[in-house]
Amino acid sequence: MAEKTILITLVLMALVTFIPRLLPAWFLRDKSLPPFVIAWLRYVPVAVLAAMLLPSLIVKDNMLNFQWNNIYLWAAIPAGWVAWKKKSLFGTVITGMVVVALARLLSF
């Protein structure tokens, strides 16, 4: 019984994940979207990433952490600048990692 429940759960999870991606692509395959919709859709990945990243930067122990010793928040500033100016995911990640590593190295 447990294997059957797991299999049904996996199939339903696959459908729930696959259908919302398939249906818009299927219905819009022969249509062209207005330019403002295309421009708006370009911001969706950035908005989702920001929504996922922000809590890890400012929440610690279920409380907001805007203290001076929050190295992740400090690392986000130069990493954000690199992302904005250079538009390089690799450069942004490396910048954030280097700033966190230096902050940990310099704080005893």
Protein backbone atom coordinates (compact mmCIF):
# COMPACT_ATOMS: atom_id res chain seq x y z
CA MET A 1 0.00 0.00 0.00
CA ALA A 2 2.80 2.42 0.81
CA GLU A 3 4.45 1.93 -2.60
CA LYS A 4 1.16 2.58 -4.37
CA THR A 5 0.59 5.76 -2.36
CA ILE A 6 4.10 6.98 -3.12
CA LEU A 7 3.68 6.25 -6.84
CA ILE A 8 0.32 8.06 -6.98
CA THR A 9 1.83 11.00 -5.09
CA LEU A 10 4.77 11.19 -7.50
CA VAL A 11 2.53 11.06 -10.57
CA LEU A 12 0.21 13.74 -9.20
CA MET A 13 3.17 15.93 -8.25
CA ALA A 14 4.57 15.56 -11.76
CA LEU A 15 1.22 16.56 -13.26
CA VAL A 16 0.85 19.55 -10.96
CA THR A 17 4.34 20.69 -11.93
CA PHE A 18 4.07 19.90 -15.64
CA ILE A 19 0.55 21.14 -16.50
CA PRO A 20 1.00 24.81 -15.48
CA ARG A 21 4.09 24.92 -17.68
CA LEU A 22 2.62 23.02 -20.59
CA LEU A 23 -0.77 24.71 -20.93
CA PRO A 24 0.44 28.31 -21.50
CA ALA A 25 3.08 27.13 -23.97
CA TRP A 26 0.51 24.98 -25.74
CA PHE A 27 -2.16 27.67 -26.01
CA LEU A 28 0.28 30.44 -26.98
CA ARG A 29 2.44 28.48 -29.43
CA ASP A 30 0.96 30.12 -32.55
CA LYS A 31 0.34 33.55 -31.07
CA SER A 32 2.65 36.47 -30.63
CA LEU A 33 2.51 38.37 -27.37
CA PRO A 34 2.40 42.17 -27.17
CA PRO A 35 5.80 43.77 -26.52
CA PHE A 36 4.79 45.04 -23.06
CA VAL A 37 3.90 41.47 -21.97
CA ILE A 38 7.25 40.18 -23.22
CA ALA A 39 9.04 42.99 -21.36
CA TRP A 40 7.03 42.22 -18.20
CA LEU A 41 7.82 38.50 -18.41
CA ARG A 42 11.55 39.23 -18.47
CA TYR A 43 11.30 40.46 -14.87
CA VAL A 44 9.63 37.31 -13.53
CA PRO A 45 12.85 35.28 -12.92
CA VAL A 46 14.50 38.24 -11.17
CA ALA A 47 11.45 38.82 -8.98
CA VAL A 48 11.22 35.14 -8.03
CA LEU A 49 14.93 34.98 -7.20
CA ALA A 50 14.71 38.13 -5.10
CA ALA A 51 11.67 36.78 -3.24
CA MET A 52 13.55 33.57 -2.45
CA LEU A 53 16.81 35.28 -1.52
CA LEU A 54 15.65 38.20 0.63
CA PRO A 55 14.47 36.14 3.64
CA SER A 56 17.83 34.38 3.87
CA LEU A 57 19.56 37.76 3.96
CA ILE A 58 17.53 39.51 6.63
CA VAL A 59 15.86 36.81 8.77
CA LYS A 60 17.75 35.05 11.54
CA ASP A 61 16.06 33.02 14.28
CA ASN A 62 12.62 34.15 13.03
CA MET A 63 13.49 37.81 13.55
CA LEU A 64 14.60 40.56 11.18
CA ASN A 65 18.35 41.03 11.36
CA PHE A 66 19.53 44.45 10.19
CA GLN A 67 22.51 44.47 12.56
CA TRP A 68 25.99 45.54 11.52
CA ASN A 69 27.33 41.99 11.90
CA ASN A 70 25.00 40.54 9.25
CA ILE A 71 27.70 39.65 6.73
CA TYR A 72 25.21 38.25 4.23
CA LEU A 73 23.43 41.56 3.99
CA TRP A 74 26.78 43.34 3.53
CA ALA A 75 27.78 40.81 0.84
CA ALA A 76 24.50 41.41 -1.00
CA ILE A 77 25.40 45.06 -1.62
CA PRO A 78 28.48 44.54 -3.84
CA ALA A 79 26.94 41.38 -5.33
CA GLY A 80 23.84 43.38 -6.27
CA TRP A 81 26.00 46.07 -7.81
CA VAL A 82 27.89 43.48 -9.90
CA ALA A 83 24.59 41.91 -10.99
CA TRP A 84 23.20 45.30 -12.00
CA LYS A 85 26.27 46.63 -13.81
CA LYS A 86 27.82 43.49 -15.29
CA LYS A 87 24.71 41.33 -15.69
CA SER A 88 26.81 38.28 -14.88
CA LEU A 89 25.40 35.52 -12.67
CA PHE A 90 28.85 33.98 -12.24
CA GLY A 91 30.40 37.32 -11.31
CA THR A 92 27.59 38.05 -8.87
CA VAL A 93 27.97 34.71 -7.09
CA ILE A 94 31.76 35.00 -6.93
CA THR A 95 31.50 38.55 -5.57
CA GLY A 96 29.10 37.48 -2.83
CA MET A 97 31.25 34.49 -1.91
CA VAL A 98 34.45 36.54 -1.77
CA VAL A 99 32.86 39.23 0.42
CA VAL A 100 31.47 36.62 2.84
CA ALA A 101 34.82 34.79 2.93
CA LEU A 102 36.73 38.02 3.61
CA ALA A 103 34.25 39.05 6.30
CA ARG A 104 34.63 35.70 8.02
CA LEU A 105 38.40 35.83 7.70
CA LEU A 106 38.65 39.35 9.11
CA SER A 107 36.18 38.86 11.97
CA PHE A 108 37.91 36.93 14.67
